[in-house]
Amino acid sequence: MNIFELLNARRAVKNFDSNFVIPNEDIEKLLSAATLAPSAFNIQHWRFVIIKNRELRNQLRSAARDQPQVTDASLLIVLCADLQAWTKDPAKYWENVPQAVRDFIVSAIHNYYADRPEVQRDETMRSCGIVAQTIMLTAKEMGYDSCPMDGFDFAQVAKIINLPNDHIISMMIAIGKSNKEPFPRATRLPLGNIIINDQFITA
């Protein structure tokens, strides 16, 4: 499919075939492709927590209002982000550029993030949003269905996966094979309702 077909075909699937198993090589291919997504300063804040353990899946389903896709999807990713990735040897994100460029970018990273916790959080969320869409579109291209999820108790999920203190949860993504036709696509607003030319007009 081309990108327009993928965008039209991707749906948030709630019902998965619990007997279907995605091959490990496809999971690796999917996540490798996802890492090509852009991220702020190429820091790649995202961390993919792959939940394979059945008991943990059941615990996560309880924390997610008993949504069946948590246990029924072949692949469940708790998409997290490292809030402090910018402090952890940031030069490694730019090893293949000239030294002068690398030094400039490392300095810029420090100046941008230092003492700005709201920026640290916001940038990780933006990067996770981009990589999440990349995962879902790639999954669809590979013949799989997906569902982004935030309807869960974040604190409880953090405890279940033993989330480090310097990490944050962005969302969960369930991936597998749908076993039920999704509802008709919900209404999309017309472009006239969402495009603002130059400035908002105040009353």
N, C-alpha and C. Protein backbone atom coordinates (compact mmCIF):
# COMPACT_ATOMS: atom_id res chain seq x y z
N MET A 1 0.84 -1.20 0.00
CA MET A 1 0.00 0.00 0.00
C MET A 1 0.87 1.24 0.00
N ASN A 2 0.39 2.28 -0.67
CA ASN A 2 1.09 3.56 -0.54
C ASN A 2 0.63 4.24 0.74
N ILE A 3 1.24 5.37 1.07
CA ILE A 3 0.98 6.01 2.36
C ILE A 3 -0.47 6.43 2.52
N PHE A 4 -1.12 6.86 1.44
CA PHE A 4 -2.52 7.27 1.54
C PHE A 4 -3.42 6.07 1.81
N GLU A 5 -3.10 4.94 1.20
CA GLU A 5 -3.87 3.73 1.45
C GLU A 5 -3.67 3.25 2.89
N LEU A 6 -2.43 3.34 3.38
CA LEU A 6 -2.16 2.93 4.75
C LEU A 6 -2.92 3.80 5.75
N LEU A 7 -2.91 5.09 5.52
CA LEU A 7 -3.61 6.00 6.43
C LEU A 7 -5.10 5.71 6.46
N ASN A 8 -5.65 5.37 5.30
CA ASN A 8 -7.07 5.06 5.23
C ASN A 8 -7.39 3.70 5.84
N ALA A 9 -6.46 2.75 5.72
CA ALA A 9 -6.71 1.38 6.20
C ALA A 9 -6.47 1.21 7.69
N ARG A 10 -5.59 2.02 8.26
CA ARG A 10 -5.28 1.87 9.69
C ARG A 10 -6.49 2.25 10.53
N ARG A 11 -6.86 1.37 11.43
CA ARG A 11 -7.95 1.63 12.36
C ARG A 11 -7.52 1.21 13.76
N ALA A 12 -8.14 1.79 14.76
CA ALA A 12 -7.90 1.38 16.14
C ALA A 12 -8.74 0.15 16.43
N VAL A 13 -8.12 -1.02 16.37
CA VAL A 13 -8.83 -2.29 16.49
C VAL A 13 -8.94 -2.68 17.96
N LYS A 14 -10.13 -3.11 18.35
CA LYS A 14 -10.38 -3.51 19.75
C LYS A 14 -10.46 -5.01 19.93
N ASN A 15 -10.71 -5.74 18.85
CA ASN A 15 -10.92 -7.18 18.94
C ASN A 15 -9.84 -7.92 18.14
N PHE A 16 -9.01 -8.68 18.84
CA PHE A 16 -7.91 -9.39 18.22
C PHE A 16 -8.10 -10.90 18.32
N ASP A 17 -7.55 -11.60 17.35
CA ASP A 17 -7.52 -13.06 17.37
C ASP A 17 -6.47 -13.48 18.40
N SER A 18 -6.94 -14.02 19.53
CA SER A 18 -6.02 -14.36 20.62
C SER A 18 -5.13 -15.56 20.30
N ASN A 19 -5.45 -16.28 19.23
CA ASN A 19 -4.64 -17.44 18.85
C ASN A 19 -3.54 -17.10 17.85
N PHE A 20 -3.60 -15.90 17.31
CA PHE A 20 -2.61 -15.51 16.30
C PHE A 20 -1.32 -15.06 16.96
N VAL A 21 -0.19 -15.48 16.41
CA VAL A 21 1.12 -15.12 16.95
C VAL A 21 1.95 -14.44 15.86
N ILE A 22 2.43 -13.25 16.14
CA ILE A 22 3.33 -12.56 15.21
C ILE A 22 4.71 -13.19 15.33
N PRO A 23 5.32 -13.61 14.22
CA PRO A 23 6.67 -14.18 14.29
C PRO A 23 7.68 -13.19 14.87
N ASN A 24 8.64 -13.69 15.61
CA ASN A 24 9.64 -12.82 16.23
C ASN A 24 10.39 -11.98 15.19
N GLU A 25 10.63 -12.57 14.01
CA GLU A 25 11.36 -11.80 13.00
C GLU A 25 10.54 -10.62 12.50
N ASP A 26 9.22 -10.75 12.51
CA ASP A 26 8.36 -9.62 12.12
C ASP A 26 8.35 -8.55 13.20
N ILE A 27 8.39 -8.97 14.45
CA ILE A 27 8.45 -7.99 15.54
C ILE A 27 9.74 -7.18 15.44
N GLU A 28 10.84 -7.87 15.19
CA GLU A 28 12.13 -7.18 15.06
C GLU A 28 12.12 -6.24 13.85
N LYS A 29 11.54 -6.69 12.75
CA LYS A 29 11.44 -5.85 11.56
C LYS A 29 10.59 -4.62 11.82
N LEU A 30 9.48 -4.82 12.50
CA LEU A 30 8.57 -3.72 12.82
C LEU A 30 9.25 -2.67 13.69
N LEU A 31 9.89 -3.12 14.76
CA LEU A 31 10.49 -2.17 15.70
C LEU A 31 11.75 -1.53 15.12
N SER A 32 12.47 -2.26 14.29
CA SER A 32 13.64 -1.67 13.62
C SER A 32 13.20 -0.54 12.70
N ALA A 33 12.10 -0.76 11.96
CA ALA A 33 11.58 0.30 11.09
C ALA A 33 11.12 1.49 11.91
N ALA A 34 10.53 1.22 13.07
CA ALA A 34 10.03 2.31 13.91
C ALA A 34 11.14 3.23 14.37
N THR A 35 12.33 2.68 14.57
CA THR A 35 13.44 3.51 15.07
C THR A 35 13.93 4.52 14.04
N LEU A 36 13.41 4.43 12.81
CA LEU A 36 13.74 5.44 11.80
C LEU A 36 12.91 6.71 11.98
N ALA A 37 11.96 6.68 12.89
CA ALA A 37 11.14 7.87 13.15
C ALA A 37 12.02 9.00 13.69
N PRO A 38 11.64 10.23 13.40
CA PRO A 38 12.42 11.35 13.95
C PRO A 38 12.17 11.53 15.44
N SER A 39 13.15 12.10 16.12
CA SER A 39 13.00 12.45 17.53
C SER A 39 13.81 13.71 17.80
N ALA A 40 13.45 14.40 18.87
CA ALA A 40 14.11 15.66 19.20
C ALA A 40 15.61 15.44 19.39
N PHE A 41 16.41 16.18 18.64
CA PHE A 41 17.87 16.08 18.70
C PHE A 41 18.37 14.65 18.45
N ASN A 42 17.54 13.82 17.81
CA ASN A 42 17.89 12.42 17.55
C ASN A 42 18.16 11.64 18.84
N ILE A 43 17.56 12.06 19.94
CA ILE A 43 17.83 11.42 21.23
C ILE A 43 17.14 10.07 21.36
N GLN A 44 16.07 9.87 20.58
CA GLN A 44 15.39 8.57 20.59
C GLN A 44 14.99 8.18 22.01
N HIS A 45 14.24 9.06 22.64
CA HIS A 45 13.83 8.89 24.03
C HIS A 45 13.03 7.61 24.28
N TRP A 46 12.40 7.08 23.22
CA TRP A 46 11.45 5.97 23.40
C TRP A 46 12.10 4.70 23.91
N ARG A 47 11.32 3.96 24.68
CA ARG A 47 11.71 2.62 25.16
C ARG A 47 10.50 1.72 24.96
N PHE A 48 10.70 0.60 24.27
CA PHE A 48 9.60 -0.32 23.96
C PHE A 48 9.59 -1.47 24.97
N VAL A 49 8.65 -1.45 25.88
CA VAL A 49 8.54 -2.54 26.86
C VAL A 49 7.58 -3.58 26.27
N ILE A 50 8.13 -4.71 25.85
CA ILE A 50 7.35 -5.77 25.22
C ILE A 50 6.86 -6.73 26.31
N ILE A 51 5.54 -6.84 26.44
CA ILE A 51 4.98 -7.67 27.51
C ILE A 51 4.66 -9.05 26.95
N LYS A 52 5.47 -10.03 27.33
CA LYS A 52 5.27 -11.41 26.89
C LYS A 52 4.64 -12.29 27.98
N ASN A 53 4.96 -11.97 29.22
CA ASN A 53 4.50 -12.78 30.34
C ASN A 53 2.97 -12.71 30.48
N ARG A 54 2.33 -13.87 30.50
CA ARG A 54 0.86 -13.93 30.55
C ARG A 54 0.30 -13.33 31.83
N GLU A 55 0.95 -13.58 32.94
CA GLU A 55 0.46 -13.03 34.21
C GLU A 55 0.54 -11.50 34.20
N LEU A 56 1.62 -10.97 33.65
CA LEU A 56 1.73 -9.51 33.55
C LEU A 56 0.66 -8.95 32.61
N ARG A 57 0.38 -9.67 31.54
CA ARG A 57 -0.68 -9.24 30.63
C ARG A 57 -2.02 -9.16 31.37
N ASN A 58 -2.30 -10.16 32.20
CA ASN A 58 -3.55 -10.16 32.95
C ASN A 58 -3.60 -9.00 33.94
N GLN A 59 -2.47 -8.71 34.57
CA GLN A 59 -2.42 -7.58 35.49
C GLN A 59 -2.64 -6.26 34.75
N LEU A 60 -2.03 -6.15 33.58
CA LEU A 60 -2.19 -4.93 32.78
C LEU A 60 -3.63 -4.78 32.31
N ARG A 61 -4.27 -5.89 31.97
CA ARG A 61 -5.68 -5.82 31.55
C ARG A 61 -6.54 -5.29 32.70
N SER A 62 -6.27 -5.72 33.91
CA SER A 62 -7.00 -5.21 35.07
C SER A 62 -6.77 -3.72 35.25
N ALA A 63 -5.54 -3.27 34.97
CA ALA A 63 -5.22 -1.85 35.10
C ALA A 63 -5.77 -1.03 33.95
N ALA A 64 -6.25 -1.72 32.90
CA ALA A 64 -6.74 -1.05 31.71
C ALA A 64 -8.25 -1.26 31.53
N ARG A 65 -8.96 -1.27 32.65
CA ARG A 65 -10.43 -1.35 32.62
C ARG A 65 -10.92 -2.59 31.89
N ASP A 66 -10.16 -3.67 32.01
CA ASP A 66 -10.53 -4.97 31.43
C ASP A 66 -10.67 -4.94 29.91
N GLN A 67 -9.91 -4.09 29.25
CA GLN A 67 -9.97 -4.03 27.78
C GLN A 67 -9.32 -5.29 27.20
N PRO A 68 -10.04 -6.03 26.35
CA PRO A 68 -9.56 -7.34 25.90
C PRO A 68 -8.32 -7.31 25.05
N GLN A 69 -8.08 -6.19 24.35
CA GLN A 69 -6.92 -6.17 23.45
C GLN A 69 -5.60 -6.30 24.22
N VAL A 70 -5.60 -5.99 25.51
CA VAL A 70 -4.38 -6.08 26.31
C VAL A 70 -3.89 -7.53 26.37
N THR A 71 -4.80 -8.47 26.50
CA THR A 71 -4.41 -9.88 26.58
C THR A 71 -4.54 -10.61 25.25
N ASP A 72 -5.43 -10.13 24.37
CA ASP A 72 -5.71 -10.88 23.14
C ASP A 72 -4.77 -10.56 21.98
N ALA A 73 -4.21 -9.35 21.96
CA ALA A 73 -3.30 -8.98 20.88
C ALA A 73 -2.02 -9.82 20.97
N SER A 74 -1.45 -10.15 19.84
CA SER A 74 -0.21 -10.94 19.83
C SER A 74 0.95 -10.18 20.45
N LEU A 75 1.01 -8.88 20.19
CA LEU A 75 2.11 -8.04 20.67
C LEU A 75 1.55 -6.88 21.47
N LEU A 76 2.04 -6.69 22.68
CA LEU A 76 1.65 -5.54 23.49
C LEU A 76 2.91 -4.76 23.86
N ILE A 77 2.91 -3.51 23.49
CA ILE A 77 4.03 -2.62 23.78
C ILE A 77 3.57 -1.56 24.77
N VAL A 78 4.27 -1.45 25.89
CA VAL A 78 4.10 -0.28 26.75
C VAL A 78 5.16 0.71 26.30
N LEU A 79 4.70 1.76 25.63
CA LEU A 79 5.63 2.73 25.06
C LEU A 79 6.02 3.75 26.13
N CYS A 80 7.28 3.71 26.50
CA CYS A 80 7.79 4.57 27.57
C CYS A 80 8.84 5.53 26.99
N ALA A 81 9.27 6.45 27.84
CA ALA A 81 10.31 7.38 27.42
C ALA A 81 11.26 7.64 28.57
N ASP A 82 12.52 7.81 28.24
CA ASP A 82 13.55 8.14 29.21
C ASP A 82 13.65 9.66 29.29
N LEU A 83 13.17 10.22 30.39
CA LEU A 83 13.18 11.68 30.55
C LEU A 83 14.59 12.25 30.62
N GLN A 84 15.54 11.42 31.03
CA GLN A 84 16.91 11.89 31.20
C GLN A 84 17.85 11.40 30.11
N ALA A 85 17.30 10.91 29.00
CA ALA A 85 18.16 10.42 27.91
C ALA A 85 19.12 11.50 27.43
N TRP A 86 18.70 12.74 27.54
CA TRP A 86 19.53 13.86 27.06
C TRP A 86 20.81 14.01 27.87
N THR A 87 20.85 13.45 29.08
CA THR A 87 22.04 13.57 29.93
C THR A 87 22.98 12.38 29.79
N LYS A 88 22.55 11.32 29.12
CA LYS A 88 23.27 10.05 29.11
C LYS A 88 24.13 9.92 27.85
N ASP A 89 25.32 10.54 27.94
CA ASP A 89 26.27 10.52 26.83
C ASP A 89 25.61 10.96 25.52
N PRO A 90 25.11 12.19 25.45
CA PRO A 90 24.39 12.64 24.26
C PRO A 90 25.23 12.63 22.99
N ALA A 91 26.55 12.61 23.11
CA ALA A 91 27.41 12.57 21.91
C ALA A 91 27.18 11.30 21.10
N LYS A 92 26.69 10.23 21.75
CA LYS A 92 26.51 8.96 21.04
C LYS A 92 25.44 9.04 19.97
N TYR A 93 24.53 10.01 20.09
CA TYR A 93 23.47 10.16 19.09
C TYR A 93 23.99 10.80 17.80
N TRP A 94 25.22 11.31 17.86
CA TRP A 94 25.76 12.05 16.70
C TRP A 94 27.18 11.60 16.39
N GLU A 95 27.46 10.31 16.53
CA GLU A 95 28.81 9.80 16.34
C GLU A 95 29.30 9.90 14.90
N ASN A 96 28.38 9.93 13.95
CA ASN A 96 28.80 9.88 12.54
C ASN A 96 28.84 11.26 11.88
N VAL A 97 28.90 12.31 12.68
CA VAL A 97 29.02 13.66 12.10
C VAL A 97 30.38 14.24 12.51
N PRO A 98 30.87 15.26 11.81
CA PRO A 98 32.15 15.87 12.18
C PRO A 98 32.17 16.33 13.64
N GLN A 99 33.34 16.28 14.24
CA GLN A 99 33.49 16.61 15.66
C GLN A 99 32.93 17.98 16.00
N ALA A 100 33.18 18.96 15.15
CA ALA A 100 32.70 20.32 15.43
C ALA A 100 31.17 20.36 15.48
N VAL A 101 30.54 19.63 14.57
CA VAL A 101 29.07 19.57 14.56
C VAL A 101 28.57 18.86 15.80
N ARG A 102 29.22 17.75 16.14
CA ARG A 102 28.82 17.00 17.32
C ARG A 102 28.93 17.85 18.58
N ASP A 103 30.03 18.58 18.73
CA ASP A 103 30.21 19.42 19.91
C ASP A 103 29.13 20.50 19.98
N PHE A 104 28.79 21.07 18.84
CA PHE A 104 27.76 22.11 18.81
C PHE A 104 26.41 21.54 19.24
N ILE A 105 26.06 20.38 18.72
CA ILE A 105 24.75 19.78 19.02
C ILE A 105 24.67 19.35 20.48
N VAL A 106 25.73 18.75 21.00
CA VAL A 106 25.73 18.33 22.40
C VAL A 106 25.54 19.54 23.31
N SER A 107 26.19 20.64 22.99
CA SER A 107 26.01 21.86 23.76
C SER A 107 24.58 22.38 23.65
N ALA A 108 24.02 22.30 22.45
CA ALA A 108 22.64 22.75 22.24
C ALA A 108 21.65 21.90 23.02
N ILE A 109 21.92 20.59 23.07
CA ILE A 109 21.05 19.69 23.85
C ILE A 109 21.04 20.10 25.31
N HIS A 110 22.22 20.34 25.86
CA HIS A 110 22.31 20.75 27.26
C HIS A 110 21.57 22.07 27.50
N ASN A 111 21.80 23.03 26.64
CA ASN A 111 21.18 24.34 26.81
C ASN A 111 19.66 24.28 26.69
N TYR A 112 19.18 23.36 25.87
CA TYR A 112 17.74 23.26 25.63
C TYR A 112 17.01 22.56 26.79
N TYR A 113 17.62 21.53 27.35
CA TYR A 113 16.93 20.70 28.34
C TYR A 113 17.23 21.05 29.79
N ALA A 114 18.41 21.57 30.07
CA ALA A 114 18.83 21.76 31.46
C ALA A 114 17.87 22.67 32.22
N ASP A 115 17.46 22.21 33.38
CA ASP A 115 16.58 22.97 34.28
C ASP A 115 15.22 23.30 33.66
N ARG A 116 14.78 22.48 32.70
CA ARG A 116 13.48 22.70 32.06
C ARG A 116 12.69 21.38 32.06
N PRO A 117 12.19 20.97 33.20
CA PRO A 117 11.50 19.68 33.29
C PRO A 117 10.28 19.58 32.38
N GLU A 118 9.61 20.70 32.15
CA GLU A 118 8.44 20.65 31.27
C GLU A 118 8.86 20.37 29.83
N VAL A 119 10.00 20.89 29.41
CA VAL A 119 10.51 20.61 28.07
C VAL A 119 10.96 19.16 27.98
N GLN A 120 11.62 18.67 29.01
CA GLN A 120 12.07 17.28 29.02
C GLN A 120 10.88 16.34 28.83
N ARG A 121 9.78 16.62 29.51
CA ARG A 121 8.58 15.78 29.39
C ARG A 121 7.93 15.96 28.02
N ASP A 122 7.73 17.20 27.61
CA ASP A 122 7.02 17.46 26.35
C ASP A 122 7.75 16.86 25.16
N GLU A 123 9.07 16.96 25.14
CA GLU A 123 9.82 16.44 24.00
C GLU A 123 9.74 14.92 23.93
N THR A 124 9.75 14.26 25.09
CA THR A 124 9.63 12.80 25.06
C THR A 124 8.26 12.40 24.54
N MET A 125 7.22 13.13 24.94
CA MET A 125 5.88 12.80 24.48
C MET A 125 5.73 13.02 22.98
N ARG A 126 6.31 14.10 22.48
CA ARG A 126 6.26 14.35 21.03
C ARG A 126 6.97 13.22 20.28
N SER A 127 8.14 12.85 20.76
CA SER A 127 8.90 11.78 20.09
C SER A 127 8.14 10.46 20.16
N CYS A 128 7.52 10.17 21.29
CA CYS A 128 6.75 8.93 21.42
C CYS A 128 5.53 8.94 20.51
N GLY A 129 4.90 10.09 20.36
CA GLY A 129 3.76 10.17 19.45
C GLY A 129 4.15 9.87 18.02
N ILE A 130 5.29 10.38 17.61
CA ILE A 130 5.76 10.15 16.25
C ILE A 130 6.11 8.68 16.04
N VAL A 131 6.81 8.09 17.01
CA VAL A 131 7.21 6.69 16.83
C VAL A 131 6.00 5.77 16.93
N ALA A 132 5.00 6.13 17.73
CA ALA A 132 3.79 5.32 17.83
C ALA A 132 3.07 5.25 16.49
N GLN A 133 2.93 6.38 15.81
CA GLN A 133 2.28 6.38 14.50
C GLN A 133 3.11 5.58 13.50
N THR A 134 4.42 5.69 13.60
CA THR A 134 5.29 4.92 12.72
C THR A 134 5.09 3.42 12.94
N ILE A 135 4.98 3.01 14.19
CA ILE A 135 4.74 1.60 14.51
C ILE A 135 3.42 1.14 13.91
N MET A 136 2.37 1.93 14.08
CA MET A 136 1.05 1.50 13.62
C MET A 136 0.94 1.44 12.11
N LEU A 137 1.54 2.40 11.43
CA LEU A 137 1.50 2.38 9.97
C LEU A 137 2.36 1.24 9.42
N THR A 138 3.52 1.02 10.04
CA THR A 138 4.37 -0.09 9.60
C THR A 138 3.67 -1.43 9.83
N ALA A 139 3.01 -1.55 10.98
CA ALA A 139 2.27 -2.78 11.27
C ALA A 139 1.21 -3.03 10.20
N LYS A 140 0.51 -1.99 9.80
CA LYS A 140 -0.53 -2.16 8.79
C LYS A 140 0.07 -2.57 7.46
N GLU A 141 1.19 -2.00 7.11
CA GLU A 141 1.88 -2.38 5.87
C GLU A 141 2.29 -3.85 5.91
N MET A 142 2.59 -4.35 7.10
CA MET A 142 3.00 -5.74 7.25
C MET A 142 1.81 -6.69 7.39
N GLY A 143 0.60 -6.15 7.34
CA GLY A 143 -0.60 -6.99 7.41
C GLY A 143 -1.18 -7.16 8.79
N TYR A 144 -0.75 -6.32 9.74
CA TYR A 144 -1.23 -6.42 11.11
C TYR A 144 -2.11 -5.23 11.48
N ASP A 145 -2.90 -5.42 12.51
CA ASP A 145 -3.77 -4.35 13.01
C ASP A 145 -3.22 -3.85 14.34
N SER A 146 -3.70 -2.69 14.76
CA SER A 146 -3.15 -2.11 15.98
C SER A 146 -4.18 -1.26 16.70
N CYS A 147 -3.85 -0.94 17.95
CA CYS A 147 -4.71 -0.06 18.74
C CYS A 147 -3.86 0.73 19.72
N PRO A 148 -3.82 2.06 19.60
CA PRO A 148 -3.13 2.87 20.60
C PRO A 148 -4.03 2.99 21.83
N MET A 149 -3.44 2.97 23.02
CA MET A 149 -4.24 2.95 24.23
C MET A 149 -3.68 3.89 25.28
N ASP A 150 -4.58 4.66 25.90
CA ASP A 150 -4.21 5.40 27.11
C ASP A 150 -5.27 5.27 28.19
N GLY A 151 -6.25 4.38 27.97
CA GLY A 151 -7.30 4.17 28.95
C GLY A 151 -6.89 3.17 30.00
N PHE A 152 -5.92 3.56 30.82
CA PHE A 152 -5.44 2.67 31.87
C PHE A 152 -4.90 3.50 33.02
N ASP A 153 -4.69 2.85 34.14
CA ASP A 153 -4.13 3.49 35.33
C ASP A 153 -2.61 3.56 35.17
N PHE A 154 -2.12 4.74 34.85
CA PHE A 154 -0.70 4.89 34.55
C PHE A 154 0.18 4.50 35.73
N ALA A 155 -0.23 4.88 36.93
CA ALA A 155 0.58 4.56 38.11
C ALA A 155 0.62 3.06 38.34
N GLN A 156 -0.50 2.39 38.13
CA GLN A 156 -0.54 0.95 38.31
C GLN A 156 0.31 0.23 37.27
N VAL A 157 0.22 0.68 36.02
CA VAL A 157 1.03 0.08 34.96
C VAL A 157 2.51 0.30 35.23
N ALA A 158 2.86 1.50 35.69
CA ALA A 158 4.25 1.80 36.02
C ALA A 158 4.77 0.82 37.07
N LYS A 159 3.93 0.51 38.05
CA LYS A 159 4.33 -0.42 39.10
C LYS A 159 4.49 -1.84 38.54
N ILE A 160 3.57 -2.24 37.67
CA ILE A 160 3.61 -3.59 37.11
C ILE A 160 4.88 -3.82 36.29
N ILE A 161 5.29 -2.82 35.52
CA ILE A 161 6.46 -2.99 34.66
C ILE A 161 7.75 -2.53 35.33
N ASN A 162 7.65 -2.11 36.60
CA ASN A 162 8.82 -1.66 37.35
C ASN A 162 9.51 -0.49 36.66
N LEU A 163 8.70 0.50 36.31
CA LEU A 163 9.20 1.67 35.56
C LEU A 163 10.23 2.44 36.37
N PRO A 164 11.41 2.72 35.80
CA PRO A 164 12.41 3.53 36.52
C PRO A 164 11.87 4.93 36.82
N ASN A 165 12.40 5.56 37.86
CA ASN A 165 11.91 6.87 38.28
C ASN A 165 12.14 7.95 37.23
N ASP A 166 13.14 7.78 36.38
CA ASP A 166 13.43 8.80 35.38
C ASP A 166 12.80 8.49 34.02
N HIS A 167 11.81 7.59 34.03
CA HIS A 167 11.07 7.25 32.81
C HIS A 167 9.60 7.62 32.99
N ILE A 168 8.90 7.68 31.88
CA ILE A 168 7.49 8.01 31.88
C ILE A 168 6.78 7.13 30.85
N ILE A 169 5.51 6.84 31.10
CA ILE A 169 4.72 6.05 30.15
C ILE A 169 3.98 6.99 29.22
N SER A 170 4.07 6.73 27.93
CA SER A 170 3.34 7.52 26.94
C SER A 170 1.99 6.88 26.61
N MET A 171 2.00 5.59 26.25
CA MET A 171 0.78 4.88 25.88
C MET A 171 1.11 3.40 25.77
N MET A 172 0.09 2.60 25.50
CA MET A 172 0.30 1.22 25.13
C MET A 172 -0.16 1.06 23.68
N ILE A 173 0.44 0.10 22.98
CA ILE A 173 0.03 -0.23 21.62
C ILE A 173 -0.16 -1.73 21.53
N ALA A 174 -1.38 -2.14 21.17
CA ALA A 174 -1.68 -3.55 20.95
C ALA A 174 -1.61 -3.82 19.45
N ILE A 175 -0.98 -4.94 19.07
CA ILE A 175 -0.78 -5.27 17.66
C ILE A 175 -1.06 -6.75 17.44
N GLY A 176 -1.77 -7.05 16.37
CA GLY A 176 -2.06 -8.44 16.05
C GLY A 176 -2.96 -8.52 14.84
N LYS A 177 -3.85 -9.52 14.84
CA LYS A 177 -4.80 -9.72 13.75
C LYS A 177 -6.22 -9.48 14.26
N SER A 178 -6.92 -8.58 13.61
CA SER A 178 -8.31 -8.32 13.99
C SER A 178 -9.17 -9.54 13.67
N ASN A 179 -10.13 -9.82 14.55
CA ASN A 179 -11.09 -10.89 14.27
C ASN A 179 -12.52 -10.36 14.16
N LYS A 180 -12.63 -9.04 13.98
CA LYS A 180 -13.96 -8.43 13.87
C LYS A 180 -13.83 -7.13 13.10
N GLU A 181 -14.77 -6.87 12.22
CA GLU A 181 -14.75 -5.62 11.46
C GLU A 181 -14.91 -4.44 12.41
N PRO A 182 -14.08 -3.42 12.27
CA PRO A 182 -14.24 -2.25 13.15
C PRO A 182 -15.51 -1.49 12.80
N PHE A 183 -15.94 -0.67 13.74
CA PHE A 183 -17.08 0.19 13.47
C PHE A 183 -16.74 1.13 12.31
N PRO A 184 -17.76 1.68 11.63
CA PRO A 184 -17.47 2.69 10.61
C PRO A 184 -16.60 3.80 11.19
N ARG A 185 -15.74 4.33 10.36
CA ARG A 185 -14.83 5.37 10.85
C ARG A 185 -15.61 6.55 11.42
N ALA A 186 -15.19 7.01 12.58
CA ALA A 186 -15.85 8.15 13.21
C ALA A 186 -15.67 9.40 12.35
N THR A 187 -16.55 10.35 12.55
CA THR A 187 -16.56 11.58 11.75
C THR A 187 -15.23 12.32 11.86
N ARG A 188 -14.72 12.73 10.73
CA ARG A 188 -13.54 13.59 10.68
C ARG A 188 -14.00 15.01 10.40
N LEU A 189 -13.44 15.95 11.13
CA LEU A 189 -13.83 17.34 10.93
C LEU A 189 -13.38 17.82 9.55
N PRO A 190 -14.17 18.66 8.91
CA PRO A 190 -13.74 19.22 7.63
C PRO A 190 -12.54 20.14 7.83
N LEU A 191 -11.72 20.26 6.79
CA LEU A 191 -10.51 21.07 6.91
C LEU A 191 -10.82 22.50 7.31
N GLY A 192 -11.96 22.99 6.89
CA GLY A 192 -12.33 24.36 7.24
C GLY A 192 -12.46 24.58 8.73
N ASN A 193 -12.69 23.50 9.48
CA ASN A 193 -12.83 23.62 10.94
C ASN A 193 -11.49 23.56 11.66
N ILE A 194 -10.44 23.13 10.98
CA ILE A 194 -9.18 22.89 11.69
C ILE A 194 -7.99 23.67 11.14
N ILE A 195 -8.17 24.33 10.01
CA ILE A 195 -7.07 25.11 9.43
C ILE A 195 -7.26 26.58 9.79
N ILE A 196 -6.24 27.15 10.36
CA ILE A 196 -6.24 28.59 10.68
C ILE A 196 -5.18 29.25 9.81
N ASN A 197 -5.58 30.20 9.04
CA ASN A 197 -4.63 30.91 8.18
C ASN A 197 -3.98 32.06 8.94
N ASP A 198 -2.71 31.93 9.17
CA ASP A 198 -1.87 32.96 9.78
C ASP A 198 -2.11 33.17 11.26
N GLN A 199 -3.31 33.53 11.67
CA GLN A 199 -3.57 33.85 13.08
C GLN A 199 -4.97 33.45 13.47
N PHE A 200 -5.14 33.15 14.77
CA PHE A 200 -6.50 32.99 15.29
C PHE A 200 -7.18 34.35 15.30
N ILE A 201 -8.44 34.35 14.99
CA ILE A 201 -9.21 35.59 15.01
C ILE A 201 -9.95 35.66 16.34
N THR A 202 -9.68 36.70 17.09
CA THR A 202 -10.33 36.87 18.40
C THR A 202 -11.55 37.77 18.26
N ALA A 203 -12.51 37.53 19.10
CA ALA A 203 -13.76 38.32 19.04
C ALA A 203 -13.51 39.75 19.50
